[in-house]
């Protein structure tokens, strides 16, 4: 049996994710190794995340170099945080497997919503999180923060911020659940498309890798994230669009809740859709948002 080479970014969280998939494959009897690849998003650390794509003329700032390695056959599969993966993949690549989703919520670390005071400094690199926090707490100061999870927690502990916003899934995967002060529910903060889910990207036509991954597929998660990604695709947004979405798949349908938020948090447009087909649900929610004026916010 040929060795499967797994491509990953080098951050602690990215390596946790790659090792997680590696352990699942090894449990099925496959030989594997991990190849660390530095991406554009890893190299540019002095610019707000929303501006990185503008500087590099690419949406996949955390995926481009990994996808090039996949196309060049230097790796056989790539493990991504699904929220980092653009809705339009390069020609010749596909999502080969989606495992079960972790907690999709956003989390406040340092203070809860009720503990925040006017003037408190809240760190986030996400336009979506910043906009929704301004809606929840208009008198706090939203500041950009970059770096991996450990770096952001250190900056919080040093007093540079009064609280920071992170994905609950990343904290849980790194064994840092105790740092979560408050996990925010969907009616408080709508999550990023694909948040909490992983995607394993492979080459189209690579039947042996696809077969190796097939037993690890979680169909309910795949259905949910397909609805969320179709919503984003239909709206023409990237991973830094101030769009939130959360889909839940049942036996015969998928229900999708979505929101688009103005940068100042003053306007929030919401939509919901339910359909048997995830693509249909995503398109229906996007049409509802566009009818409500979403184009002005995008």
C-alpha atoms as a PDB file:
ATOM      1  CA  UNK A   1       0.000   0.000   0.000  1.00  0.00           C
ATOM      2  CA  UNK A   2       1.434   3.375  -1.076  1.00  0.00           C
ATOM      3  CA  UNK A   3       2.170   5.985   1.563  1.00  0.00           C
ATOM      4  CA  UNK A   4      -0.320   8.869   1.714  1.00  0.00           C
ATOM      5  CA  UNK A   5       1.361  12.276   2.020  1.00  0.00           C
ATOM      6  CA  UNK A   6      -0.760  14.826   3.899  1.00  0.00           C
ATOM      7  CA  UNK A   7      -0.212  18.542   3.277  1.00  0.00           C
ATOM      8  CA  UNK A   8      -0.738  20.996   6.136  1.00  0.00           C
ATOM      9  CA  UNK A   9       0.142  24.454   7.358  1.00  0.00           C
ATOM     10  CA  UNK A  10       2.622  24.481  10.221  1.00  0.00           C
ATOM     11  CA  UNK A  11       0.595  26.136  12.981  1.00  0.00           C
ATOM     12  CA  UNK A  12      -0.232  24.151  16.084  1.00  0.00           C
ATOM     13  CA  UNK A  13      -3.926  24.032  15.178  1.00  0.00           C
ATOM     14  CA  UNK A  14      -3.293  23.095  11.542  1.00  0.00           C
ATOM     15  CA  UNK A  15      -0.975  20.293  12.647  1.00  0.00           C
ATOM     16  CA  UNK A  16      -3.542  19.067  15.161  1.00  0.00           C
ATOM     17  CA  UNK A  17      -6.038  18.854  12.305  1.00  0.00           C
ATOM     18  CA  UNK A  18      -3.596  17.061  10.003  1.00  0.00           C
ATOM     19  CA  UNK A  19      -2.593  14.612  12.737  1.00  0.00           C
ATOM     20  CA  UNK A  20      -6.240  13.972  13.502  1.00  0.00           C
ATOM     21  CA  UNK A  21      -6.887  12.920   9.904  1.00  0.00           C
ATOM     22  CA  UNK A  22      -3.600  11.008   9.888  1.00  0.00           C
ATOM     23  CA  UNK A  23      -4.618   9.018  12.978  1.00  0.00           C
ATOM     24  CA  UNK A  24      -7.974   8.148  11.413  1.00  0.00           C
ATOM     25  CA  UNK A  25      -6.257   6.933   8.241  1.00  0.00           C
ATOM     26  CA  UNK A  26      -3.665   4.959  10.204  1.00  0.00           C
ATOM     27  CA  UNK A  27      -6.460   3.291  12.158  1.00  0.00           C
ATOM     28  CA  UNK A  28      -7.749   2.063   8.810  1.00  0.00           C
ATOM     29  CA  UNK A  29      -4.319   0.589   8.024  1.00  0.00           C
ATOM     30  CA  UNK A  30      -2.855   3.310   5.791  1.00  0.00           C
ATOM     31  CA  UNK A  31       0.763   4.462   5.951  1.00  0.00           C
ATOM     32  CA  UNK A  32       1.015   8.257   6.106  1.00  0.00           C
ATOM     33  CA  UNK A  33       3.333  11.202   6.627  1.00  0.00           C
ATOM     34  CA  UNK A  34       2.729  14.960   6.988  1.00  0.00           C
ATOM     35  CA  UNK A  35       4.362  17.573   4.753  1.00  0.00           C
ATOM     36  CA  UNK A  36       4.353  21.107   6.221  1.00  0.00           C
ATOM     37  CA  UNK A  37       3.767  23.888   3.680  1.00  0.00           C
ATOM     38  CA  UNK A  38       4.081  27.621   4.389  1.00  0.00           C
ATOM     39  CA  UNK A  39       1.228  29.669   2.881  1.00  0.00           C
ATOM     40  CA  UNK A  40       0.865  33.335   1.959  1.00  0.00           C
ATOM     41  CA  UNK A  41      -1.340  33.909   4.990  1.00  0.00           C
ATOM     42  CA  UNK A  42       1.413  32.528   7.238  1.00  0.00           C
ATOM     43  CA  UNK A  43       4.030  34.861   5.743  1.00  0.00           C
ATOM     44  CA  UNK A  44       2.068  38.114   6.000  1.00  0.00           C
ATOM     45  CA  UNK A  45       1.530  38.830   9.690  1.00  0.00           C
ATOM     46  CA  UNK A  46       1.737  42.641   9.799  1.00  0.00           C
ATOM     47  CA  UNK A  47      -1.447  43.329   7.816  1.00  0.00           C
ATOM     48  CA  UNK A  48      -5.099  42.953   8.811  1.00  0.00           C
ATOM     49  CA  UNK A  49      -6.393  39.617   7.540  1.00  0.00           C
ATOM     50  CA  UNK A  50      -9.112  41.294   5.456  1.00  0.00           C
ATOM     51  CA  UNK A  51      -6.383  43.093   3.485  1.00  0.00           C
ATOM     52  CA  UNK A  52      -4.134  40.097   2.830  1.00  0.00           C
ATOM     53  CA  UNK A  53      -6.251  38.881  -0.091  1.00  0.00           C
ATOM     54  CA  UNK A  54      -6.194  42.359  -1.616  1.00  0.00           C
ATOM     55  CA  UNK A  55      -2.379  42.473  -1.407  1.00  0.00           C
ATOM     56  CA  UNK A  56      -1.938  39.029  -2.945  1.00  0.00           C
ATOM     57  CA  UNK A  57      -4.829  39.048  -5.459  1.00  0.00           C
ATOM     58  CA  UNK A  58      -6.024  35.699  -4.160  1.00  0.00           C
ATOM     59  CA  UNK A  59      -8.844  34.557  -1.900  1.00  0.00           C
ATOM     60  CA  UNK A  60      -7.116  31.375  -0.734  1.00  0.00           C
ATOM     61  CA  UNK A  61      -4.377  32.988   1.314  1.00  0.00           C
ATOM     62  CA  UNK A  62      -4.153  29.938   3.597  1.00  0.00           C
ATOM     63  CA  UNK A  63      -4.632  27.339   0.855  1.00  0.00           C
ATOM     64  CA  UNK A  64      -2.944  28.418  -2.410  1.00  0.00           C
ATOM     65  CA  UNK A  65       0.517  26.934  -1.850  1.00  0.00           C
ATOM     66  CA  UNK A  66      -0.949  23.718  -0.421  1.00  0.00           C
ATOM     67  CA  UNK A  67      -3.182  23.334  -3.472  1.00  0.00           C
ATOM     68  CA  UNK A  68      -0.180  23.875  -5.751  1.00  0.00           C
ATOM     69  CA  UNK A  69       1.623  21.027  -3.949  1.00  0.00           C
ATOM     70  CA  UNK A  70      -1.448  18.848  -4.476  1.00  0.00           C
ATOM     71  CA  UNK A  71      -1.617  19.612  -8.180  1.00  0.00           C
ATOM     72  CA  UNK A  72       2.144  18.998  -8.483  1.00  0.00           C
ATOM     73  CA  UNK A  73       1.658  15.588  -6.802  1.00  0.00           C
ATOM     74  CA  UNK A  74       4.040  16.459  -3.975  1.00  0.00           C
ATOM     75  CA  UNK A  75       1.222  15.574  -1.581  1.00  0.00           C
ATOM     76  CA  UNK A  76      -1.806  13.295  -1.919  1.00  0.00           C
ATOM     77  CA  UNK A  77      -4.289  15.122   0.276  1.00  0.00           C
ATOM     78  CA  UNK A  78      -4.558  18.452   2.060  1.00  0.00           C
ATOM     79  CA  UNK A  79      -6.275  19.136   5.377  1.00  0.00           C
ATOM     80  CA  UNK A  80      -7.921  22.546   5.689  1.00  0.00           C
ATOM     81  CA  UNK A  81     -10.175  24.406   8.055  1.00  0.00           C
ATOM     82  CA  UNK A  82     -13.195  24.447   5.763  1.00  0.00           C
ATOM     83  CA  UNK A  83     -13.872  28.126   6.465  1.00  0.00           C
ATOM     84  CA  UNK A  84     -10.471  28.956   4.874  1.00  0.00           C
ATOM     85  CA  UNK A  85     -11.271  27.084   1.660  1.00  0.00           C
ATOM     86  CA  UNK A  86     -12.635  29.263  -1.199  1.00  0.00           C
ATOM     87  CA  UNK A  87     -15.942  28.119  -2.683  1.00  0.00           C
ATOM     88  CA  UNK A  88     -14.330  27.849  -6.129  1.00  0.00           C
ATOM     89  CA  UNK A  89     -11.531  25.264  -6.078  1.00  0.00           C
ATOM     90  CA  UNK A  90      -8.712  25.168  -8.650  1.00  0.00           C
ATOM     91  CA  UNK A  91      -9.374  23.036 -11.688  1.00  0.00           C
ATOM     92  CA  UNK A  92      -8.457  19.435 -10.992  1.00  0.00           C
ATOM     93  CA  UNK A  93      -9.157  19.520  -7.237  1.00  0.00           C
ATOM     94  CA  UNK A  94     -12.152  18.530  -5.133  1.00  0.00           C
ATOM     95  CA  UNK A  95     -13.208  18.081  -1.520  1.00  0.00           C
ATOM     96  CA  UNK A  96     -12.604  14.389  -1.035  1.00  0.00           C
ATOM     97  CA  UNK A  97     -13.895  14.045   2.525  1.00  0.00           C
ATOM     98  CA  UNK A  98     -15.564  16.049   5.281  1.00  0.00           C
ATOM     99  CA  UNK A  99     -15.339  14.530   8.793  1.00  0.00           C
ATOM    100  CA  UNK A 100     -17.762  15.239  11.617  1.00  0.00           C
ATOM    101  CA  UNK A 101     -17.964  18.881  12.596  1.00  0.00           C
ATOM    102  CA  UNK A 102     -16.693  20.297  15.890  1.00  0.00           C
ATOM    103  CA  UNK A 103     -18.511  23.123  17.741  1.00  0.00           C
ATOM    104  CA  UNK A 104     -19.321  25.801  15.092  1.00  0.00           C
ATOM    105  CA  UNK A 105     -19.782  28.668  17.571  1.00  0.00           C
ATOM    106  CA  UNK A 106     -17.620  31.728  18.142  1.00  0.00           C
ATOM    107  CA  UNK A 107     -16.201  32.135  21.630  1.00  0.00           C
ATOM    108  CA  UNK A 108     -15.350  35.109  23.824  1.00  0.00           C
ATOM    109  CA  UNK A 109     -12.161  34.665  25.827  1.00  0.00           C
ATOM    110  CA  UNK A 110     -11.386  36.986  28.736  1.00  0.00           C
ATOM    111  CA  UNK A 111     -14.840  38.395  29.421  1.00  0.00           C
ATOM    112  CA  UNK A 112     -18.437  37.386  28.781  1.00  0.00           C
ATOM    113  CA  UNK A 113     -20.894  39.674  26.990  1.00  0.00           C
ATOM    114  CA  UNK A 114     -22.366  40.785  30.311  1.00  0.00           C
ATOM    115  CA  UNK A 115     -18.918  41.622  31.699  1.00  0.00           C
ATOM    116  CA  UNK A 116     -17.874  43.903  28.820  1.00  0.00           C
ATOM    117  CA  UNK A 117     -17.743  47.624  29.593  1.00  0.00           C
ATOM    118  CA  UNK A 118     -17.716  50.688  27.318  1.00  0.00           C
ATOM    119  CA  UNK A 119     -14.209  51.176  25.935  1.00  0.00           C
ATOM    120  CA  UNK A 120     -13.117  47.566  26.419  1.00  0.00           C
ATOM    121  CA  UNK A 121     -10.694  46.433  23.704  1.00  0.00           C
ATOM    122  CA  UNK A 122     -11.831  43.344  21.795  1.00  0.00           C
ATOM    123  CA  UNK A 123      -9.392  41.580  19.458  1.00  0.00           C
ATOM    124  CA  UNK A 124     -10.409  39.753  16.280  1.00  0.00           C
ATOM    125  CA  UNK A 125      -9.091  39.384  12.729  1.00  0.00           C
ATOM    126  CA  UNK A 126     -12.596  38.747  11.359  1.00  0.00           C
ATOM    127  CA  UNK A 127     -14.792  41.460   9.827  1.00  0.00           C
ATOM    128  CA  UNK A 128     -17.801  39.245  10.540  1.00  0.00           C
ATOM    129  CA  UNK A 129     -17.021  38.902  14.240  1.00  0.00           C
ATOM    130  CA  UNK A 130     -16.159  42.588  14.602  1.00  0.00           C
ATOM    131  CA  UNK A 131     -19.392  43.713  12.938  1.00  0.00           C
ATOM    132  CA  UNK A 132     -21.555  41.459  15.097  1.00  0.00           C
ATOM    133  CA  UNK A 133     -19.745  42.444  18.281  1.00  0.00           C
ATOM    134  CA  UNK A 134     -20.410  46.093  17.445  1.00  0.00           C
ATOM    135  CA  UNK A 135     -24.089  45.199  17.158  1.00  0.00           C
ATOM    136  CA  UNK A 136     -24.048  43.419  20.532  1.00  0.00           C
ATOM    137  CA  UNK A 137     -21.846  45.951  22.354  1.00  0.00           C
ATOM    138  CA  UNK A 138     -21.679  49.249  20.401  1.00  0.00           C
ATOM    139  CA  UNK A 139     -19.415  50.971  22.939  1.00  0.00           C
ATOM    140  CA  UNK A 140     -16.503  48.501  22.893  1.00  0.00           C
ATOM    141  CA  UNK A 141     -13.395  49.124  20.787  1.00  0.00           C
ATOM    142  CA  UNK A 142     -12.739  46.521  18.096  1.00  0.00           C
ATOM    143  CA  UNK A 143      -9.036  45.979  17.355  1.00  0.00           C
ATOM    144  CA  UNK A 144      -7.305  43.762  14.807  1.00  0.00           C
ATOM    145  CA  UNK A 145      -5.303  40.818  16.128  1.00  0.00           C
ATOM    146  CA  UNK A 146      -3.113  38.409  14.165  1.00  0.00           C
ATOM    147  CA  UNK A 147      -1.167  35.308  15.062  1.00  0.00           C
ATOM    148  CA  UNK A 148      -1.945  31.716  15.964  1.00  0.00           C
ATOM    149  CA  UNK A 149      -4.162  30.765  18.890  1.00  0.00           C
ATOM    150  CA  UNK A 150      -1.298  30.715  21.412  1.00  0.00           C
ATOM    151  CA  UNK A 151      -0.071  34.135  20.261  1.00  0.00           C
ATOM    152  CA  UNK A 152      -3.523  35.649  20.574  1.00  0.00           C
ATOM    153  CA  UNK A 153      -4.037  34.203  24.039  1.00  0.00           C
ATOM    154  CA  UNK A 154      -0.638  35.550  25.096  1.00  0.00           C
ATOM    155  CA  UNK A 155      -1.548  39.035  23.863  1.00  0.00           C
ATOM    156  CA  UNK A 156      -4.783  38.819  25.860  1.00  0.00           C
ATOM    157  CA  UNK A 157      -2.948  37.645  28.983  1.00  0.00           C
ATOM    158  CA  UNK A 158      -0.442  40.502  28.606  1.00  0.00           C
ATOM    159  CA  UNK A 159      -3.298  42.983  28.784  1.00  0.00           C
ATOM    160  CA  UNK A 160      -3.205  44.166  25.181  1.00  0.00           C
ATOM    161  CA  UNK A 161      -6.902  43.273  24.930  1.00  0.00           C
ATOM    162  CA  UNK A 162      -9.748  42.947  27.429  1.00  0.00           C
ATOM    163  CA  UNK A 163     -11.218  40.031  25.478  1.00  0.00           C
ATOM    164  CA  UNK A 164     -10.679  38.258  22.180  1.00  0.00           C
ATOM    165  CA  UNK A 165     -12.948  36.362  19.813  1.00  0.00           C
ATOM    166  CA  UNK A 166     -11.894  32.928  18.576  1.00  0.00           C
ATOM    167  CA  UNK A 167     -13.530  29.851  17.091  1.00  0.00           C
ATOM    168  CA  UNK A 168     -14.695  27.506  19.854  1.00  0.00           C
ATOM    169  CA  UNK A 169     -13.632  24.558  17.685  1.00  0.00           C
ATOM    170  CA  UNK A 170      -9.971  25.598  17.603  1.00  0.00           C
ATOM    171  CA  UNK A 171      -9.814  26.064  21.358  1.00  0.00           C
ATOM    172  CA  UNK A 172     -11.441  22.680  21.951  1.00  0.00           C
ATOM    173  CA  UNK A 173      -9.156  20.887  19.505  1.00  0.00           C
ATOM    174  CA  UNK A 174      -6.096  22.330  21.250  1.00  0.00           C
ATOM    175  CA  UNK A 175      -7.347  21.274  24.687  1.00  0.00           C
ATOM    176  CA  UNK A 176      -8.078  24.882  25.674  1.00  0.00           C
ATOM    177  CA  UNK A 177     -11.810  24.594  26.400  1.00  0.00           C
ATOM    178  CA  UNK A 178     -11.187  26.088  29.838  1.00  0.00           C
ATOM    179  CA  UNK A 179     -10.182  29.386  28.193  1.00  0.00           C
ATOM    180  CA  UNK A 180     -13.690  29.851  26.745  1.00  0.00           C
ATOM    181  CA  UNK A 181     -15.468  32.498  28.817  1.00  0.00           C
ATOM    182  CA  UNK A 182     -18.662  32.355  26.733  1.00  0.00           C
ATOM    183  CA  UNK A 183     -19.613  30.437  23.612  1.00  0.00           C
ATOM    184  CA  UNK A 184     -21.933  32.629  21.558  1.00  0.00           C
ATOM    185  CA  UNK A 185     -25.150  31.116  20.243  1.00  0.00           C
ATOM    186  CA  UNK A 186     -26.379  31.623  16.676  1.00  0.00           C
ATOM    187  CA  UNK A 187     -28.801  34.392  17.662  1.00  0.00           C
ATOM    188  CA  UNK A 188     -25.905  36.293  19.266  1.00  0.00           C
ATOM    189  CA  UNK A 189     -23.212  35.732  16.637  1.00  0.00           C
ATOM    190  CA  UNK A 190     -23.704  33.923  13.350  1.00  0.00           C
ATOM    191  CA  UNK A 191     -20.708  31.693  12.567  1.00  0.00           C
ATOM    192  CA  UNK A 192     -18.513  31.750   9.476  1.00  0.00           C
ATOM    193  CA  UNK A 193     -19.404  29.486   6.580  1.00  0.00           C
ATOM    194  CA  UNK A 194     -17.920  26.067   7.337  1.00  0.00           C
ATOM    195  CA  UNK A 195     -16.714  27.034  10.825  1.00  0.00           C
ATOM    196  CA  UNK A 196     -15.828  24.049  13.000  1.00  0.00           C
ATOM    197  CA  UNK A 197     -15.587  21.716   9.993  1.00  0.00           C
ATOM    198  CA  UNK A 198     -12.519  20.303   8.253  1.00  0.00           C
ATOM    199  CA  UNK A 199     -12.141  19.578   4.557  1.00  0.00           C
ATOM    200  CA  UNK A 200      -9.762  17.089   3.006  1.00  0.00           C
ATOM    201  CA  UNK A 201      -8.888  18.199  -0.513  1.00  0.00           C
ATOM    202  CA  UNK A 202      -7.677  15.739  -3.155  1.00  0.00           C
ATOM    203  CA  UNK A 203      -7.022  15.576  -6.879  1.00  0.00           C
ATOM    204  CA  UNK A 204      -9.959  14.752  -9.114  1.00  0.00           C
ATOM    205  CA  UNK A 205      -9.590  11.252 -10.468  1.00  0.00           C
ATOM    206  CA  UNK A 206      -7.397  10.057  -7.592  1.00  0.00           C
ATOM    207  CA  UNK A 207      -9.560   7.049  -6.883  1.00  0.00           C
ATOM    208  CA  UNK A 208      -7.196   5.343  -4.450  1.00  0.00           C
ATOM    209  CA  UNK A 209      -7.004   8.364  -2.099  1.00  0.00           C
ATOM    210  CA  UNK A 210     -10.744   8.905  -2.420  1.00  0.00           C
ATOM    211  CA  UNK A 211     -11.350   5.263  -1.458  1.00  0.00           C
ATOM    212  CA  UNK A 212      -9.027   5.575   1.549  1.00  0.00           C
ATOM    213  CA  UNK A 213     -10.957   8.601   2.799  1.00  0.00           C
ATOM    214  CA  UNK A 214     -14.481   7.320   2.072  1.00  0.00           C
ATOM    215  CA  UNK A 215     -15.044   5.553   5.433  1.00  0.00           C
ATOM    216  CA  UNK A 216     -14.302   8.826   7.277  1.00  0.00           C
ATOM    217  CA  UNK A 217     -16.987  10.907   5.527  1.00  0.00           C
ATOM    218  CA  UNK A 218     -19.708  12.409   7.787  1.00  0.00           C
ATOM    219  CA  UNK A 219     -22.705  12.897   5.517  1.00  0.00           C
ATOM    220  CA  UNK A 220     -24.671  15.242   7.794  1.00  0.00           C
ATOM    221  CA  UNK A 221     -21.714  17.608   8.084  1.00  0.00           C
ATOM    222  CA  UNK A 222     -21.104  17.478   4.331  1.00  0.00           C
ATOM    223  CA  UNK A 223     -24.750  18.363   3.643  1.00  0.00           C
ATOM    224  CA  UNK A 224     -24.711  21.257   6.127  1.00  0.00           C
ATOM    225  CA  UNK A 225     -21.501  22.815   4.826  1.00  0.00           C
ATOM    226  CA  UNK A 226     -22.599  22.409   1.202  1.00  0.00           C
ATOM    227  CA  UNK A 227     -25.636  24.568   1.996  1.00  0.00           C
ATOM    228  CA  UNK A 228     -23.461  27.185   3.711  1.00  0.00           C
ATOM    229  CA  UNK A 229     -20.883  27.227   0.898  1.00  0.00           C
ATOM    230  CA  UNK A 230     -23.561  27.539  -1.777  1.00  0.00           C
ATOM    231  CA  UNK A 231     -24.933  30.562   0.090  1.00  0.00           C
ATOM    232  CA  UNK A 232     -21.472  32.167   0.034  1.00  0.00           C
ATOM    233  CA  UNK A 233     -20.903  31.201  -3.599  1.00  0.00           C
ATOM    234  CA  UNK A 234     -24.253  32.643  -4.675  1.00  0.00           C
ATOM    235  CA  UNK A 235     -23.469  35.927  -2.939  1.00  0.00           C
ATOM    236  CA  UNK A 236     -20.006  36.086  -4.504  1.00  0.00           C
ATOM    237  CA  UNK A 237     -18.275  36.454  -1.149  1.00  0.00           C
ATOM    238  CA  UNK A 238     -14.938  35.347   0.215  1.00  0.00           C
ATOM    239  CA  UNK A 239     -13.937  34.116   3.645  1.00  0.00           C
ATOM    240  CA  UNK A 240     -13.698  37.716   4.918  1.00  0.00           C
ATOM    241  CA  UNK A 241     -17.227  38.709   3.853  1.00  0.00           C
ATOM    242  CA  UNK A 242     -19.308  39.871   6.868  1.00  0.00           C
ATOM    243  CA  UNK A 243     -21.602  36.891   6.352  1.00  0.00           C
ATOM    244  CA  UNK A 244     -22.663  34.387   8.974  1.00  0.00           C
ATOM    245  CA  UNK A 245     -24.342  31.050   8.332  1.00  0.00           C
ATOM    246  CA  UNK A 246     -25.272  27.927  10.195  1.00  0.00           C
ATOM    247  CA  UNK A 247     -26.900  24.886   8.601  1.00  0.00           C
ATOM    248  CA  UNK A 248     -28.144  21.735  10.285  1.00  0.00           C
ATOM    249  CA  UNK A 249     -28.914  18.595   8.308  1.00  0.00           C
ATOM    250  CA  UNK A 250     -31.797  16.319   9.284  1.00  0.00           C
ATOM    251  CA  UNK A 251     -32.737  13.013   7.706  1.00  0.00           C
ATOM    252  CA  UNK A 252     -34.539  14.425   4.676  1.00  0.00           C
ATOM    253  CA  UNK A 253     -33.679  18.131   4.629  1.00  0.00           C
ATOM    254  CA  UNK A 254     -31.211  20.817   5.613  1.00  0.00           C
ATOM    255  CA  UNK A 255     -32.164  24.016   7.467  1.00  0.00           C
ATOM    256  CA  UNK A 256     -30.007  27.107   6.946  1.00  0.00           C
ATOM    257  CA  UNK A 257     -29.905  30.352   8.934  1.00  0.00           C
ATOM    258  CA  UNK A 258     -27.897  33.241   7.479  1.00  0.00           C
ATOM    259  CA  UNK A 259     -27.034  36.851   8.282  1.00  0.00           C
ATOM    260  CA  UNK A 260     -25.145  39.686   6.591  1.00  0.00           C
ATOM    261  CA  UNK A 261     -23.919  42.483   8.823  1.00  0.00           C
ATOM    262  CA  UNK A 262     -22.799  46.026   8.024  1.00  0.00           C
ATOM    263  CA  UNK A 263     -19.272  46.844   9.190  1.00  0.00           C
ATOM    264  CA  UNK A 264     -20.562  49.162  11.920  1.00  0.00           C
ATOM    265  CA  UNK A 265     -23.017  46.534  13.184  1.00  0.00           C
ATOM    266  CA  UNK A 266     -25.962  48.885  12.673  1.00  0.00           C
ATOM    267  CA  UNK A 267     -27.667  46.757  10.019  1.00  0.00           C
ATOM    268  CA  UNK A 268     -28.209  43.008  10.133  1.00  0.00           C
ATOM    269  CA  UNK A 269     -30.111  41.227   7.386  1.00  0.00           C
ATOM    270  CA  UNK A 270     -31.286  37.709   8.186  1.00  0.00           C
ATOM    271  CA  UNK A 271     -32.646  34.869   6.070  1.00  0.00           C
ATOM    272  CA  UNK A 272     -33.594  31.238   6.505  1.00  0.00           C
ATOM    273  CA  UNK A 273     -34.286  28.386   4.135  1.00  0.00           C
ATOM    274  CA  UNK A 274     -35.012  24.683   4.312  1.00  0.00           C
ATOM    275  CA  UNK A 275     -34.831  22.220   1.447  1.00  0.00           C
ATOM    276  CA  UNK A 276     -34.073  18.608   0.647  1.00  0.00           C
ATOM    277  CA  UNK A 277     -31.097  19.714  -1.465  1.00  0.00           C
ATOM    278  CA  UNK A 278     -28.311  21.740   0.224  1.00  0.00           C
ATOM    279  CA  UNK A 279     -27.567  23.728  -2.940  1.00  0.00           C
ATOM    280  CA  UNK A 280     -31.225  24.697  -3.172  1.00  0.00           C
ATOM    281  CA  UNK A 281     -31.236  25.803   0.473  1.00  0.00           C
ATOM    282  CA  UNK A 282     -28.121  27.932  -0.018  1.00  0.00           C
ATOM    283  CA  UNK A 283     -29.485  29.612  -3.137  1.00  0.00           C
ATOM    284  CA  UNK A 284     -32.874  30.288  -1.548  1.00  0.00           C
ATOM    285  CA  UNK A 285     -31.259  31.986   1.463  1.00  0.00           C
ATOM    286  CA  UNK A 286     -29.000  34.072  -0.796  1.00  0.00           C
ATOM    287  CA  UNK A 287     -31.983  35.230  -2.864  1.00  0.00           C
ATOM    288  CA  UNK A 288     -33.798  36.248   0.310  1.00  0.00           C
ATOM    289  CA  UNK A 289     -30.781  38.239   1.502  1.00  0.00           C
ATOM    290  CA  UNK A 290     -30.322  39.926  -1.895  1.00  0.00           C
ATOM    291  CA  UNK A 291     -33.997  40.848  -1.975  1.00  0.00           C
ATOM    292  CA  UNK A 292     -33.536  42.499   1.424  1.00  0.00           C
ATOM    293  CA  UNK A 293     -30.630  44.628   0.155  1.00  0.00           C
ATOM    294  CA  UNK A 294     -27.593  42.462   0.895  1.00  0.00           C
ATOM    295  CA  UNK A 295     -25.703  43.713  -2.171  1.00  0.00           C
ATOM    296  CA  UNK A 296     -25.208  47.083  -0.467  1.00  0.00           C
ATOM    297  CA  UNK A 297     -23.524  45.424   2.514  1.00  0.00           C
ATOM    298  CA  UNK A 298     -21.320  43.156   0.371  1.00  0.00           C
END
